[in-house]
Every structure is written in C-alpha cells, then in structure tokens.
C-alpha cells in the first residue's frame, strides 16, 4: 500500500501534469531537470528519466524541444551562463571585512567550479561552450535562453570581473599587489583547490584559500613587518581574521 508520502508525491505529480504551463516556462523547467539529473546521476539523463522527474509525459519534451540534443545544448548554455554568479558576487556585503568578502567570493566560485566540473564530467565535455559575452544575461541578472549575443571576444566576462573588482576597491591601500592580482590568485587557487583530481582529493575550504593568498603559510621572523607597516597579527585582524588562530611564532609582533 502506498505511504502517505507516496500519495502526496503522486498528487503533486498529478497536479503538475494537469496544470497548464507556458511553453517557455516548460522549456526552462525541463532544462532545470536535465541539469539536476546530470549532476545527480553523473551522466546524461534519458528522456524517460527527464519526463519522470518533471512529472510530465515523455512526449511533452518533444513538444517544446525538437530533439533531445537541442534540450542538452540549451541546458549546457544555461548551466554555464555567468550572469547568476555575477549577481551573487554583487550581493556580497560591502561592509564586511576584506577577508570576509573574499571568503564569500571564494565560496561562490568554489560552488561554481564544483558544479561545472560535475556537469562537464557527466556530459563528457572537455571545455565550456562558447556563446558570446552574455551581455543581455548580465543586464537581466539571469540566463536568457536562446538569446542571440555577439561573437565572443576578449571582454566576454568583463561584467563579471567588474563585479569582482568591487570587492577590493576600498582596500587597495592594504595590498602590496593590485587588487586584480589578488582576485586572479584566489580564482586560480580556488579552481585547483576545488578540483578533486588536481587537489588529490584534499580540496581546500574558502577560508584556507583566502588565508593562503592574504597571509601565506610561512612564519615570519620576530620583528619583521609587512609593507603596510602593520604587524602580521594586526594585519590579520584588520582584514577580518582572528589573531588567536596564528601560530605562537607570530605572537608579540611590533
């Protein structure tokens, strides 16, 4: 006998099947299901699996997508669109400490890289798709399915880079390299430190990534000051860290 949970789930599925849906909304929903199943199963989902997960008849898929290949292509474009990532970065609290802001940034990028790695592995992709600069998507703050952009160029991700730069515009005076270089290093370490293969299964946390870039890993000789004129402990505290987490060799800095 079905359990109450199964009854409820079946009722929800029936309601989904019965409720009319705009074709564009149906396409977006099926794209979301495709991506979710690819992540969960680690492979390309079948149309039967997509239909079951979406609570629709299999034929419904082909009423809004001419082929499964078109659905897959649209799903890949949606998954790799950078506009939602840019929106999340822009929403980071500007009043937080530099370290807190960069940890939030590293966390967003780590989630992004993890999703991308998983999807590429599931779909057998060797590189992200080329689609153009996503300018309209950036302006909308979300992926615009099927939108025709200009050809891809060197400024394709400039809006994303601009959002990242806003994290550091008030803190350049605390840095010994340009803010863009700090972001570049965090992005590189986040990429390599989030890939299980590159990291030998020992992935880094966002806090470890940011602290490695901001503070390094070498204990400094007693009395040595950083170029800002602050002690390591004072700089660590100013950038949002807790000096108590530093090693004993750092105690008592000028």
Protein backbone atom coordinates (compact mmCIF):
# COMPACT_ATOMS: atom_id res chain seq x y z
CA UNK A 1 0.00 0.00 0.00
CA UNK A 2 1.38 3.45 -0.86
CA UNK A 3 2.58 5.52 2.08
CA UNK A 4 1.13 9.00 2.76
CA UNK A 5 4.36 10.43 1.38
CA UNK A 6 3.92 8.49 -1.84
CA UNK A 7 0.29 9.57 -2.03
CA UNK A 8 1.32 13.20 -1.55
CA UNK A 9 4.10 12.91 -4.11
CA UNK A 10 1.75 11.33 -6.60
CA UNK A 11 -0.80 14.07 -6.02
CA UNK A 12 1.84 16.71 -6.65
CA UNK A 13 2.94 14.97 -9.83
CA UNK A 14 -0.68 14.78 -11.00
CA UNK A 15 -1.15 18.46 -10.25
CA UNK A 16 1.97 19.30 -12.22
CA UNK A 17 0.74 17.29 -15.18
CA UNK A 18 -2.70 18.87 -15.02
CA UNK A 19 -1.57 22.47 -14.63
CA UNK A 20 -1.16 24.31 -17.93
CA UNK A 21 2.28 25.82 -18.45
CA UNK A 22 3.55 28.39 -20.89
CA UNK A 23 5.92 26.77 -23.47
CA UNK A 24 8.82 28.99 -22.38
CA UNK A 25 8.25 28.10 -18.73
CA UNK A 26 8.07 24.43 -19.73
CA UNK A 27 11.40 24.69 -21.55
CA UNK A 28 13.03 26.34 -18.55
CA UNK A 29 11.64 23.67 -16.22
CA UNK A 30 12.90 20.83 -18.42
CA UNK A 31 16.33 22.46 -18.69
CA UNK A 32 16.48 22.67 -14.89
CA UNK A 33 15.51 19.00 -14.60
CA UNK A 34 18.14 17.96 -17.18
CA UNK A 35 20.92 19.73 -15.27
CA UNK A 36 19.76 18.39 -11.91
CA UNK A 37 19.66 14.81 -13.17
CA UNK A 38 23.05 15.10 -14.88
CA UNK A 39 24.60 16.24 -11.59
CA UNK A 40 22.83 13.58 -9.56
CA UNK A 41 23.41 10.62 -11.88
CA UNK A 42 26.82 11.63 -13.22
CA UNK A 43 25.73 11.02 -16.82
CA UNK A 44 23.35 12.26 -19.49
CA UNK A 45 19.76 11.57 -18.40
CA UNK A 46 17.36 9.79 -20.74
CA UNK A 47 14.18 11.48 -21.92
CA UNK A 48 12.22 8.94 -19.88
CA UNK A 49 14.11 9.96 -16.73
CA UNK A 50 13.63 13.64 -17.52
CA UNK A 51 9.90 13.18 -18.01
CA UNK A 52 9.53 11.19 -14.79
CA UNK A 53 11.49 13.74 -12.76
CA UNK A 54 9.49 16.61 -14.27
CA UNK A 55 6.16 14.85 -13.77
CA UNK A 56 5.18 15.05 -17.46
CA UNK A 57 4.62 12.66 -20.31
CA UNK A 58 7.74 11.92 -22.36
CA UNK A 59 6.09 13.36 -25.45
CA UNK A 60 5.80 16.72 -23.71
CA UNK A 61 9.58 17.14 -24.06
CA UNK A 62 9.37 16.97 -27.83
CA UNK A 63 6.54 19.46 -27.98
CA UNK A 64 8.91 22.17 -26.73
CA UNK A 65 12.28 20.80 -27.94
CA UNK A 66 12.64 19.27 -31.42
CA UNK A 67 15.29 16.78 -30.24
CA UNK A 68 16.97 15.69 -27.03
CA UNK A 69 20.21 17.17 -28.42
CA UNK A 70 18.64 20.63 -28.55
CA UNK A 71 17.49 20.23 -24.93
CA UNK A 72 21.01 19.22 -23.91
CA UNK A 73 22.56 22.17 -25.73
CA UNK A 74 20.16 24.62 -24.08
CA UNK A 75 20.82 23.03 -20.68
CA UNK A 76 24.58 23.41 -21.10
CA UNK A 77 24.22 27.05 -22.11
CA UNK A 78 22.06 27.74 -19.06
CA UNK A 79 24.41 25.93 -16.67
CA UNK A 80 27.46 27.84 -17.91
CA UNK A 81 25.87 31.28 -18.03
CA UNK A 82 27.91 33.56 -15.72
CA UNK A 83 25.12 36.08 -15.04
CA UNK A 84 23.77 34.39 -11.87
CA UNK A 85 27.32 34.15 -10.49
CA UNK A 86 27.88 37.85 -11.14
CA UNK A 87 24.61 38.64 -9.35
CA UNK A 88 25.67 36.62 -6.29
CA UNK A 89 29.07 38.32 -6.16
CA UNK A 90 27.47 41.75 -6.43
CA UNK A 91 25.26 40.85 -3.43
CA UNK A 92 28.23 40.27 -1.09
CA UNK A 93 28.01 42.61 1.91
CA UNK A 94 30.25 45.59 1.08
CA UNK A 95 30.52 46.43 4.80
CA UNK A 96 32.20 43.16 5.65
CA UNK A 97 35.93 42.94 6.26
CA UNK A 98 38.18 42.33 3.27
CA UNK A 99 38.80 38.78 4.40
CA UNK A 100 35.08 38.07 4.88
CA UNK A 101 34.28 39.47 1.44
CA UNK A 102 36.99 37.40 -0.21
CA UNK A 103 35.88 34.25 1.64
CA UNK A 104 32.33 34.83 0.37
CA UNK A 105 33.76 35.30 -3.12
CA UNK A 106 35.85 32.12 -2.88
CA UNK A 107 32.82 30.19 -1.62
CA UNK A 108 30.72 31.35 -4.60
CA UNK A 109 33.48 30.48 -7.05
CA UNK A 110 34.11 27.10 -5.41
CA UNK A 111 30.45 26.20 -5.74
CA UNK A 112 30.54 27.36 -9.36
CA UNK A 113 33.65 25.34 -10.20
CA UNK A 114 32.29 22.25 -8.46
CA UNK A 115 29.06 22.45 -10.45
CA UNK A 116 30.96 23.00 -13.69
CA UNK A 117 33.37 20.11 -13.05
CA UNK A 118 30.48 17.78 -12.26
CA UNK A 119 28.44 18.74 -15.31
CA UNK A 120 31.38 18.54 -17.69
CA UNK A 121 32.21 15.07 -16.38
CA UNK A 122 28.60 13.91 -16.64
CA UNK A 123 28.21 15.16 -20.21
CA UNK A 124 31.71 14.27 -21.43
CA UNK A 125 32.66 17.88 -22.15
CA UNK A 126 36.30 18.86 -22.47
CA UNK A 127 35.72 22.62 -22.39
CA UNK A 128 32.92 25.08 -21.62
CA UNK A 129 30.63 26.06 -24.51
CA UNK A 130 31.21 29.23 -26.50
CA UNK A 131 28.21 31.52 -26.60
CA UNK A 132 29.37 35.11 -26.68
CA UNK A 133 29.63 37.72 -23.93
CA UNK A 134 26.23 37.06 -22.30
CA UNK A 135 25.75 40.82 -22.19
CA UNK A 136 21.97 40.62 -22.19
CA UNK A 137 22.10 37.95 -19.47
CA UNK A 138 24.28 40.18 -17.30
CA UNK A 139 21.81 43.03 -17.72
CA UNK A 140 18.89 40.76 -16.82
CA UNK A 141 20.77 39.15 -13.92
CA UNK A 142 19.80 35.68 -15.13
CA UNK A 143 20.23 33.35 -18.06
CA UNK A 144 18.20 34.28 -21.12
CA UNK A 145 17.56 31.09 -23.03
CA UNK A 146 18.19 31.29 -26.76
CA UNK A 147 19.24 34.93 -26.68
CA UNK A 148 21.49 35.81 -29.62
CA UNK A 149 24.66 37.54 -28.45
CA UNK A 150 27.52 38.99 -30.42
CA UNK A 151 30.54 36.86 -31.20
CA UNK A 152 32.71 36.07 -28.18
CA UNK A 153 35.61 38.44 -27.62
CA UNK A 154 38.20 39.33 -25.00
CA UNK A 155 35.66 41.31 -22.96
CA UNK A 156 33.23 38.41 -22.67
CA UNK A 157 33.49 38.23 -18.88
CA UNK A 158 34.20 41.88 -18.16
CA UNK A 159 30.93 42.45 -16.25
CA UNK A 160 31.83 39.52 -14.01
CA UNK A 161 35.35 40.86 -13.48
CA UNK A 162 33.91 44.31 -12.70
CA UNK A 163 31.66 42.81 -10.01
CA UNK A 164 34.67 41.02 -8.51
CA UNK A 165 36.77 44.19 -8.55
CA UNK A 166 34.14 45.98 -6.46
CA UNK A 167 35.17 43.69 -3.60
CA UNK A 168 38.56 45.40 -3.38
CA UNK A 169 38.13 48.99 -4.48
CA UNK A 170 38.19 50.26 -0.88
CA UNK A 171 41.15 48.13 0.23
CA UNK A 172 43.87 48.73 -2.35
CA UNK A 173 45.89 50.56 0.32
CA UNK A 174 46.21 47.37 2.36
CA UNK A 175 47.58 45.33 -0.55
CA UNK A 176 51.13 45.03 -1.89
CA UNK A 177 49.84 43.96 -5.34
CA UNK A 178 46.94 45.34 -7.39
CA UNK A 179 43.50 44.12 -6.35
CA UNK A 180 43.07 42.42 -9.72
CA UNK A 181 46.12 40.29 -8.95
CA UNK A 182 44.67 39.23 -5.60
CA UNK A 183 41.44 38.17 -7.28
CA UNK A 184 43.37 36.38 -10.02
CA UNK A 185 45.34 34.36 -7.46
CA UNK A 186 42.24 33.49 -5.47
CA UNK A 187 40.47 32.35 -8.63
CA UNK A 188 43.42 30.17 -9.62
CA UNK A 189 43.76 28.62 -6.17
CA UNK A 190 40.00 28.12 -5.92
CA UNK A 191 39.99 26.35 -9.29
CA UNK A 192 42.86 24.00 -8.48
CA UNK A 193 41.91 23.61 -4.83
CA UNK A 194 38.33 22.65 -5.70
CA UNK A 195 39.11 20.02 -8.35
CA UNK A 196 39.39 16.59 -6.67
CA UNK A 197 41.81 15.37 -9.35
CA UNK A 198 44.15 18.36 -9.15
CA UNK A 199 43.94 18.54 -5.35
CA UNK A 200 44.49 14.77 -4.92
CA UNK A 201 41.17 14.60 -3.10
CA UNK A 202 42.25 17.17 -0.49
CA UNK A 203 40.17 20.14 -1.55
CA UNK A 204 40.64 23.47 0.19
CA UNK A 205 37.99 25.39 2.09
CA UNK A 206 37.23 29.00 1.08
CA UNK A 207 38.88 30.17 4.30
CA UNK A 208 42.07 28.21 3.53
CA UNK A 209 42.18 29.61 0.02
CA UNK A 210 41.81 33.23 1.10
CA UNK A 211 44.19 32.97 4.06
CA UNK A 212 46.85 31.37 1.86
CA UNK A 213 46.68 34.31 -0.55
CA UNK A 214 46.38 37.07 2.07
CA UNK A 215 48.74 35.77 4.76
CA UNK A 216 50.81 32.97 3.22
CA UNK A 217 51.97 29.91 5.11
CA UNK A 218 55.45 30.84 6.35
CA UNK A 219 56.06 32.09 9.88
CA UNK A 220 57.87 35.44 9.74
CA UNK A 221 60.90 36.25 11.90
CA UNK A 222 60.09 38.13 15.09
CA UNK A 223 60.02 41.88 14.46
CA UNK A 224 59.59 41.62 10.69
CA UNK A 225 56.86 43.98 9.50
CA UNK A 226 54.73 43.73 6.39
CA UNK A 227 54.95 46.51 3.85
CA UNK A 228 51.77 48.16 5.17
CA UNK A 229 53.60 48.96 8.43
CA UNK A 230 51.28 46.67 10.43
CA UNK A 231 52.35 43.55 12.25
CA UNK A 232 51.16 40.24 10.82
CA UNK A 233 48.71 39.85 13.72
CA UNK A 234 47.39 43.40 13.30
CA UNK A 235 47.00 43.00 9.55
CA UNK A 236 45.29 39.64 10.06
CA UNK A 237 42.83 41.25 12.48
CA UNK A 238 42.21 44.27 10.24
CA UNK A 239 41.41 42.03 7.26
CA UNK A 240 38.86 40.11 9.28
CA UNK A 241 40.83 37.24 10.80
CA UNK A 242 41.24 36.21 14.41
CA UNK A 243 44.85 36.69 15.58
CA UNK A 244 44.37 33.82 18.03
CA UNK A 245 44.44 31.46 15.06
CA UNK A 246 48.01 32.43 14.22
CA UNK A 247 50.93 30.25 15.33
CA UNK A 248 52.82 31.05 18.55
CA UNK A 249 55.78 32.18 16.44
CA UNK A 250 53.70 35.18 15.34
CA UNK A 251 52.92 36.41 18.87
CA UNK A 252 54.32 39.70 20.09
CA UNK A 253 54.90 41.28 16.70
CA UNK A 254 55.57 45.04 16.75
